[in-house]
Amino acid sequence: MNEYKPDRWVVVKANFEGSEYYKILGSWYGGYGGSDSWKLSSGILSAKFDQHRGRYIFPQVSKSVYLCHKDTYGTSGYTQSVFDHWVEKLEEKGAGKVLTIMPEETDFLAMDYK
């Protein structure tokens, strides 16, 4: 089981063919001499909150887990541009608005991920 701890993260809602899916779009800063990177999760199964560490725990379809600190919700400039590019390409294909970044105020623990 892989654990991912992104520097920044958002929950992306995808509407495809009448079904809703929720995924984590995580980003990591490259630091000196490195490159920023991003990863889109396989799909959120549920959400828990670790009060002691201040982070959400999101088990994924792939059996990996995303550990996302509550205070780092949001995109980096790089990851926002990646997301905007996806939206643009989908709109060009006539898919409409199928991808949405969930607001920070969302109660991730109360959502139905199934």
C-alpha atoms as a PDB file:
ATOM      1  CA  MET A   1       0.000   0.000   0.000  1.00  0.00           C
ATOM      2  CA  ASN A   2       1.415   3.367  -1.043  1.00  0.00           C
ATOM      3  CA  GLU A   3       0.954   6.467   1.087  1.00  0.00           C
ATOM      4  CA  TYR A   4       0.992   9.894  -0.518  1.00  0.00           C
ATOM      5  CA  LYS A   5       1.453  13.129   1.435  1.00  0.00           C
ATOM      6  CA  PRO A   6       0.998  16.025  -0.987  1.00  0.00           C
ATOM      7  CA  ASP A   7       2.285  19.520  -0.228  1.00  0.00           C
ATOM      8  CA  ARG A   8      -0.980  20.917  -1.689  1.00  0.00           C
ATOM      9  CA  TRP A   9      -4.183  19.075  -2.549  1.00  0.00           C
ATOM     10  CA  VAL A  10      -7.765  19.464  -3.705  1.00  0.00           C
ATOM     11  CA  VAL A  11     -10.713  17.142  -4.188  1.00  0.00           C
ATOM     12  CA  VAL A  12     -11.806  17.012  -7.817  1.00  0.00           C
ATOM     13  CA  LYS A  13     -15.374  16.036  -8.638  1.00  0.00           C
ATOM     14  CA  ALA A  14     -15.748  14.382 -12.041  1.00  0.00           C
ATOM     15  CA  ASN A  15     -19.133  13.874 -13.711  1.00  0.00           C
ATOM     16  CA  PHE A  16     -18.935  11.290 -16.475  1.00  0.00           C
ATOM     17  CA  GLU A  17     -21.901   9.591 -18.100  1.00  0.00           C
ATOM     18  CA  GLY A  18     -24.202  10.359 -15.177  1.00  0.00           C
ATOM     19  CA  SER A  19     -21.827   9.125 -12.469  1.00  0.00           C
ATOM     20  CA  GLU A  20     -19.862  11.191  -9.966  1.00  0.00           C
ATOM     21  CA  TYR A  21     -16.315  10.363  -8.970  1.00  0.00           C
ATOM     22  CA  TYR A  22     -14.072  12.091  -6.450  1.00  0.00           C
ATOM     23  CA  LYS A  23     -10.308  12.119  -6.711  1.00  0.00           C
ATOM     24  CA  ILE A  24      -7.403  13.853  -5.021  1.00  0.00           C
ATOM     25  CA  LEU A  25      -5.278  16.120  -7.190  1.00  0.00           C
ATOM     26  CA  GLY A  26      -2.082  16.344  -5.179  1.00  0.00           C
ATOM     27  CA  SER A  27       1.009  18.408  -5.843  1.00  0.00           C
ATOM     28  CA  TRP A  28       4.544  18.344  -4.531  1.00  0.00           C
ATOM     29  CA  TYR A  29       7.096  21.140  -4.662  1.00  0.00           C
ATOM     30  CA  GLY A  30      10.393  20.147  -6.251  1.00  0.00           C
ATOM     31  CA  GLY A  31      12.588  22.346  -4.107  1.00  0.00           C
ATOM     32  CA  TYR A  32      16.027  23.508  -5.123  1.00  0.00           C
ATOM     33  CA  GLY A  33      17.110  21.764  -8.291  1.00  0.00           C
ATOM     34  CA  GLY A  34      13.935  19.697  -8.541  1.00  0.00           C
ATOM     35  CA  SER A  35      10.727  19.964 -10.488  1.00  0.00           C
ATOM     36  CA  ASP A  36       7.213  20.352  -9.141  1.00  0.00           C
ATOM     37  CA  SER A  37       5.008  17.311  -9.702  1.00  0.00           C
ATOM     38  CA  TRP A  38       1.375  16.306  -9.468  1.00  0.00           C
ATOM     39  CA  LYS A  39      -0.661  13.106  -9.218  1.00  0.00           C
ATOM     40  CA  LEU A  40      -4.357  12.368  -9.663  1.00  0.00           C
ATOM     41  CA  SER A  41      -5.610   9.651  -7.344  1.00  0.00           C
ATOM     42  CA  SER A  42      -7.512   6.580  -8.501  1.00  0.00           C
ATOM     43  CA  GLY A  43     -10.716   7.486  -6.663  1.00  0.00           C
ATOM     44  CA  ILE A  44     -11.713   8.241  -3.076  1.00  0.00           C
ATOM     45  CA  LEU A  45     -13.493   5.443  -1.210  1.00  0.00           C
ATOM     46  CA  SER A  46     -14.053   7.237   2.109  1.00  0.00           C
ATOM     47  CA  ALA A  47     -12.666   9.962   4.352  1.00  0.00           C
ATOM     48  CA  LYS A  48     -11.512  10.052   7.961  1.00  0.00           C
ATOM     49  CA  PHE A  49      -9.913  12.834   9.953  1.00  0.00           C
ATOM     50  CA  ASP A  50      -6.892  12.364  12.218  1.00  0.00           C
ATOM     51  CA  GLN A  51      -7.487  15.070  14.835  1.00  0.00           C
ATOM     52  CA  HIS A  52      -4.060  14.582  16.402  1.00  0.00           C
ATOM     53  CA  ARG A  53      -2.179  15.242  13.147  1.00  0.00           C
ATOM     54  CA  GLY A  54      -4.722  17.601  11.570  1.00  0.00           C
ATOM     55  CA  ARG A  55      -5.015  15.616   8.373  1.00  0.00           C
ATOM     56  CA  TYR A  56      -7.569  13.820   6.275  1.00  0.00           C
ATOM     57  CA  ILE A  57      -7.093  10.168   5.396  1.00  0.00           C
ATOM     58  CA  PHE A  58      -8.481   9.236   1.987  1.00  0.00           C
ATOM     59  CA  PRO A  59      -8.317   5.505   1.068  1.00  0.00           C
ATOM     60  CA  GLN A  60      -8.289   4.997  -2.710  1.00  0.00           C
ATOM     61  CA  VAL A  61      -9.651   2.469  -5.196  1.00  0.00           C
ATOM     62  CA  SER A  62      -6.040   1.422  -5.918  1.00  0.00           C
ATOM     63  CA  LYS A  63      -5.570   0.601  -2.204  1.00  0.00           C
ATOM     64  CA  SER A  64      -3.204   3.541  -1.769  1.00  0.00           C
ATOM     65  CA  VAL A  65      -3.905   6.214   0.853  1.00  0.00           C
ATOM     66  CA  TYR A  66      -3.653   9.989   0.616  1.00  0.00           C
ATOM     67  CA  LEU A  67      -2.757  11.784   3.863  1.00  0.00           C
ATOM     68  CA  CYS A  68      -3.746  15.412   3.318  1.00  0.00           C
ATOM     69  CA  HIS A  69      -3.130  18.111   5.907  1.00  0.00           C
ATOM     70  CA  LYS A  70      -6.198  20.270   6.500  1.00  0.00           C
ATOM     71  CA  ASP A  71      -4.234  23.533   6.189  1.00  0.00           C
ATOM     72  CA  THR A  72      -2.723  22.779   2.763  1.00  0.00           C
ATOM     73  CA  TYR A  73      -5.944  22.620   0.715  1.00  0.00           C
ATOM     74  CA  GLY A  74      -5.548  24.319  -2.630  1.00  0.00           C
ATOM     75  CA  THR A  75      -3.536  24.102  -5.809  1.00  0.00           C
ATOM     76  CA  SER A  76      -0.091  25.332  -6.642  1.00  0.00           C
ATOM     77  CA  GLY A  77       0.153  27.586  -9.688  1.00  0.00           C
ATOM     78  CA  TYR A  78       1.549  24.643 -11.643  1.00  0.00           C
ATOM     79  CA  THR A  79      -1.222  22.246 -10.636  1.00  0.00           C
ATOM     80  CA  GLN A  80      -3.931  24.847 -11.287  1.00  0.00           C
ATOM     81  CA  SER A  81      -2.595  25.240 -14.825  1.00  0.00           C
ATOM     82  CA  VAL A  82      -2.713  21.450 -15.317  1.00  0.00           C
ATOM     83  CA  PHE A  83      -6.326  21.368 -14.092  1.00  0.00           C
ATOM     84  CA  ASP A  84      -7.306  24.344 -16.289  1.00  0.00           C
ATOM     85  CA  HIS A  85      -5.781  22.577 -19.300  1.00  0.00           C
ATOM     86  CA  TRP A  86      -7.901  19.455 -18.629  1.00  0.00           C
ATOM     87  CA  VAL A  87     -11.057  21.589 -18.391  1.00  0.00           C
ATOM     88  CA  GLU A  88     -10.182  23.442 -21.604  1.00  0.00           C
ATOM     89  CA  LYS A  89      -9.578  20.202 -23.538  1.00  0.00           C
ATOM     90  CA  LEU A  90     -12.833  18.649 -22.290  1.00  0.00           C
ATOM     91  CA  GLU A  91     -14.799  21.768 -23.248  1.00  0.00           C
ATOM     92  CA  GLU A  92     -13.189  21.744 -26.714  1.00  0.00           C
ATOM     93  CA  LYS A  93     -14.497  18.184 -27.145  1.00  0.00           C
ATOM     94  CA  GLY A  94     -17.988  19.303 -26.154  1.00  0.00           C
ATOM     95  CA  ALA A  95     -17.996  17.500 -22.814  1.00  0.00           C
ATOM     96  CA  GLY A  96     -19.057  20.631 -20.933  1.00  0.00           C
ATOM     97  CA  LYS A  97     -18.145  21.206 -17.317  1.00  0.00           C
ATOM     98  CA  VAL A  98     -17.330  17.713 -16.081  1.00  0.00           C
ATOM     99  CA  LEU A  99     -14.496  18.596 -13.672  1.00  0.00           C
ATOM    100  CA  THR A 100     -14.891  20.773 -10.589  1.00  0.00           C
ATOM    101  CA  ILE A 101     -12.588  21.535  -7.678  1.00  0.00           C
ATOM    102  CA  MET A 102     -14.597  21.180  -4.479  1.00  0.00           C
ATOM    103  CA  PRO A 103     -14.605  24.282  -2.247  1.00  0.00           C
ATOM    104  CA  GLU A 104     -12.348  24.283   0.801  1.00  0.00           C
ATOM    105  CA  GLU A 105     -15.428  24.562   3.053  1.00  0.00           C
ATOM    106  CA  THR A 106     -16.712  21.179   1.857  1.00  0.00           C
ATOM    107  CA  ASP A 107     -17.392  18.679   4.639  1.00  0.00           C
ATOM    108  CA  PHE A 108     -15.310  15.845   3.212  1.00  0.00           C
ATOM    109  CA  LEU A 109     -16.344  13.531   6.042  1.00  0.00           C
ATOM    110  CA  ALA A 110     -20.069  13.820   5.183  1.00  0.00           C
ATOM    111  CA  MET A 111     -19.693  13.133   1.445  1.00  0.00           C
ATOM    112  CA  ASP A 112     -20.922   9.959  -0.236  1.00  0.00           C
ATOM    113  CA  TYR A 113     -17.976   8.677  -2.253  1.00  0.00           C
ATOM    114  CA  LYS A 114     -19.693   5.573  -3.613  1.00  0.00           C
END
